[in-house]
Amino acid sequence: MADQAADAGARIVMGAQKTLVEKGAKPVVRYQTADGEHEIRPRMVIGATGRGCTIGRQIGVSMATSVHHWGGGVRVEGLEDWPMDVQAMGTEAEKMFMVFPQGDGLARLYINFPTANKHRYRGPAAPSGSSPTSSWTACPTTASPSTPRRSRSAR
């Protein structure tokens, strides 16, 4: 994306530190690089460092959000028949899952659910058993949580 922006005439500055932005119709940006201090007056400023972006905070952009889903992941084993080039996403009732094969019959399984129903997944009411997906029809039932082990390359 940076290459496309540069090809279209944008000035890309990587590794800038101590960036200060004065917002307005004609913004001013001051920053430091290994070459020293710089000041530019661009037509547009894009801070692309994520939700808590320093640039956004300086110009008054707030990311008001609420947590509506929780999730967690486990490493599962017993997926020798799962094609290693197939990643999966799906839903089962209110839950969403993602499966990422790791090789050797192992995969990472991530499960997300609405926070409104968190009481179903923690404390005395939490499901128990060998597999978090054992009652699901959309996930393999042969999978079970595994204990961490070294990969073959680390042995």
Protein backbone atom coordinates (compact mmCIF):
# COMPACT_ATOMS: atom_id res chain seq x y z
CA MET A 1 0.00 0.00 0.00
CA ALA A 2 2.87 2.36 0.81
CA ASP A 3 4.36 1.69 -2.64
CA GLN A 4 1.06 2.50 -4.31
CA ALA A 5 0.76 5.73 -2.34
CA ALA A 6 4.32 6.72 -3.27
CA ASP A 7 3.63 5.90 -6.93
CA ALA A 8 0.66 8.28 -6.74
CA GLY A 9 2.87 11.08 -5.40
CA ALA A 10 2.58 10.66 -1.64
CA ARG A 11 5.60 11.24 0.57
CA ILE A 12 6.11 8.22 2.83
CA VAL A 13 8.10 8.75 6.02
CA MET A 14 9.02 5.62 7.95
CA GLY A 15 10.73 5.58 11.33
CA ALA A 16 9.65 9.09 12.31
CA GLN A 17 9.84 9.88 16.01
CA LYS A 18 8.55 12.68 18.23
CA THR A 19 5.82 13.45 15.73
CA LEU A 20 3.68 16.51 16.43
CA VAL A 21 0.69 17.44 14.31
CA GLU A 22 -1.15 20.76 14.22
CA LYS A 23 -4.56 20.06 12.74
CA GLY A 24 -6.43 22.42 10.50
CA ALA A 25 -7.15 23.24 6.88
CA LYS A 26 -3.37 23.50 6.40
CA PRO A 27 -1.86 21.01 8.85
CA VAL A 28 1.72 21.20 10.05
CA VAL A 29 3.70 18.09 10.92
CA ARG A 30 6.97 18.12 12.84
CA TYR A 31 8.99 14.96 13.33
CA GLN A 32 12.50 13.64 13.83
CA THR A 33 14.40 11.03 11.84
CA ALA A 34 18.03 9.97 11.83
CA ASP A 35 18.58 12.92 9.44
CA GLY A 36 17.36 15.45 12.02
CA GLU A 37 14.22 17.50 12.64
CA HIS A 38 11.71 18.12 9.86
CA GLU A 39 8.61 20.26 9.33
CA ILE A 40 6.18 19.74 6.49
CA ARG A 41 2.84 21.23 5.50
CA PRO A 42 1.01 18.41 3.74
CA ARG A 43 -2.45 18.45 2.23
CA MET A 44 -3.29 15.27 4.14
CA VAL A 45 -1.84 13.42 7.14
CA ILE A 46 -2.39 9.70 7.63
CA GLY A 47 -1.37 8.07 10.88
CA ALA A 48 -1.32 4.35 10.18
CA THR A 49 -0.09 2.89 13.44
CA GLY A 50 -3.35 1.45 14.72
CA ARG A 51 -6.36 2.27 16.87
CA GLY A 52 -4.44 4.19 19.54
CA CYS A 53 -2.50 6.15 16.94
CA THR A 54 -0.54 9.12 18.31
CA ILE A 55 -1.49 11.20 15.27
CA GLY A 56 -5.18 10.53 15.82
CA ARG A 57 -5.00 11.46 19.49
CA GLN A 58 -3.20 14.71 18.67
CA ILE A 59 -5.95 15.83 16.29
CA GLY A 60 -8.79 14.74 18.56
CA VAL A 61 -9.87 11.47 16.96
CA SER A 62 -11.25 9.12 19.57
CA MET A 63 -11.94 5.46 19.11
CA ALA A 64 -14.93 4.96 21.36
CA THR A 65 -15.61 1.27 21.33
CA SER A 66 -17.27 -1.30 23.45
CA VAL A 67 -16.35 -4.91 23.85
CA HIS A 68 -19.14 -6.98 22.36
CA HIS A 69 -17.34 -10.31 21.89
CA TRP A 70 -14.75 -12.25 23.84
CA GLY A 71 -12.56 -14.96 22.48
CA GLY A 72 -9.87 -17.41 23.27
CA GLY A 73 -7.73 -19.96 21.56
CA VAL A 74 -6.49 -23.45 22.19
CA ARG A 75 -4.11 -25.77 20.43
CA VAL A 76 -5.86 -28.97 19.38
CA GLU A 77 -4.56 -32.32 18.23
CA GLY A 78 -6.11 -35.27 16.41
CA LEU A 79 -6.60 -33.47 13.10
CA GLU A 80 -4.42 -35.71 10.94
CA ASP A 81 -7.19 -35.86 8.31
CA TRP A 82 -7.61 -32.08 8.16
CA PRO A 83 -5.95 -30.65 5.00
CA MET A 84 -3.06 -28.48 6.13
CA ASP A 85 -3.79 -25.88 3.43
CA VAL A 86 -7.40 -25.33 4.61
CA GLN A 87 -8.16 -22.66 7.18
CA ALA A 88 -11.76 -22.46 8.32
CA MET A 89 -14.15 -19.96 9.84
CA GLY A 90 -17.72 -20.67 10.81
CA THR A 91 -20.51 -20.19 13.27
CA GLU A 92 -22.31 -22.50 15.62
CA ALA A 93 -25.31 -20.91 17.36
CA GLU A 94 -23.99 -17.69 18.96
CA LYS A 95 -20.34 -18.67 18.68
CA MET A 96 -17.84 -18.03 15.90
CA PHE A 97 -14.77 -20.18 15.39
CA MET A 98 -11.59 -20.13 13.32
CA VAL A 99 -9.29 -23.10 12.67
CA PHE A 100 -5.67 -22.64 11.59
CA PRO A 101 -3.81 -25.90 10.83
CA GLN A 102 -0.25 -26.11 12.18
CA GLY A 103 0.87 -29.46 10.70
CA ASP A 104 1.39 -32.86 12.33
CA GLY A 105 -2.36 -33.12 13.09
CA LEU A 106 -2.27 -29.92 15.19
CA ALA A 107 -4.26 -26.73 14.77
CA ARG A 108 -5.08 -23.52 16.61
CA LEU A 109 -8.79 -23.17 17.35
CA TYR A 110 -10.15 -19.74 18.27
CA ILE A 111 -13.65 -19.32 19.66
CA ASN A 112 -15.51 -16.00 20.00
CA PHE A 113 -18.80 -15.42 21.79
CA PRO A 114 -20.98 -12.45 22.80
CA THR A 115 -20.01 -10.83 26.10
CA ALA A 116 -23.70 -10.73 27.02
CA ASN A 117 -23.43 -14.50 27.51
CA LYS A 118 -20.11 -14.57 29.35
CA HIS A 119 -21.74 -16.32 32.33
CA ARG A 120 -22.06 -19.43 30.13
CA TYR A 121 -18.30 -19.69 29.66
CA ARG A 122 -16.76 -18.97 33.04
CA GLY A 123 -17.23 -19.99 36.63
CA PRO A 124 -19.31 -22.99 37.69
CA ALA A 125 -21.49 -22.81 34.56
CA ALA A 126 -18.50 -23.09 32.19
CA PRO A 127 -18.46 -26.10 29.90
CA SER A 128 -16.00 -28.81 30.85
CA GLY A 129 -14.64 -31.82 29.05
CA SER A 130 -11.85 -32.74 26.73
CA SER A 131 -12.88 -30.52 23.84
CA PRO A 132 -14.38 -27.03 23.80
CA THR A 133 -16.21 -28.01 20.62
CA SER A 134 -17.33 -31.53 21.51
CA SER A 135 -21.03 -30.66 21.20
CA TRP A 136 -20.67 -28.63 18.01
CA THR A 137 -21.74 -30.00 14.66
CA ALA A 138 -19.61 -27.59 12.63
CA CYS A 139 -16.21 -28.50 14.16
CA PRO A 140 -14.29 -31.76 14.07
CA THR A 141 -15.14 -33.91 17.09
CA THR A 142 -11.84 -35.78 17.00
CA ALA A 143 -9.95 -32.69 18.09
CA SER A 144 -8.90 -32.33 21.69
CA PRO A 145 -6.84 -29.72 23.55
CA SER A 146 -3.18 -30.67 23.57
CA THR A 147 -0.41 -30.02 26.01
CA PRO A 148 2.35 -27.79 24.68
CA ARG A 149 5.18 -29.71 23.05
CA ARG A 150 8.28 -28.86 21.12
CA SER A 151 8.02 -28.81 17.39
CA ARG A 152 10.08 -31.35 15.46
CA SER A 153 12.54 -28.68 14.40
CA ALA A 154 13.23 -27.78 18.05
CA ARG A 155 13.97 -31.37 19.13
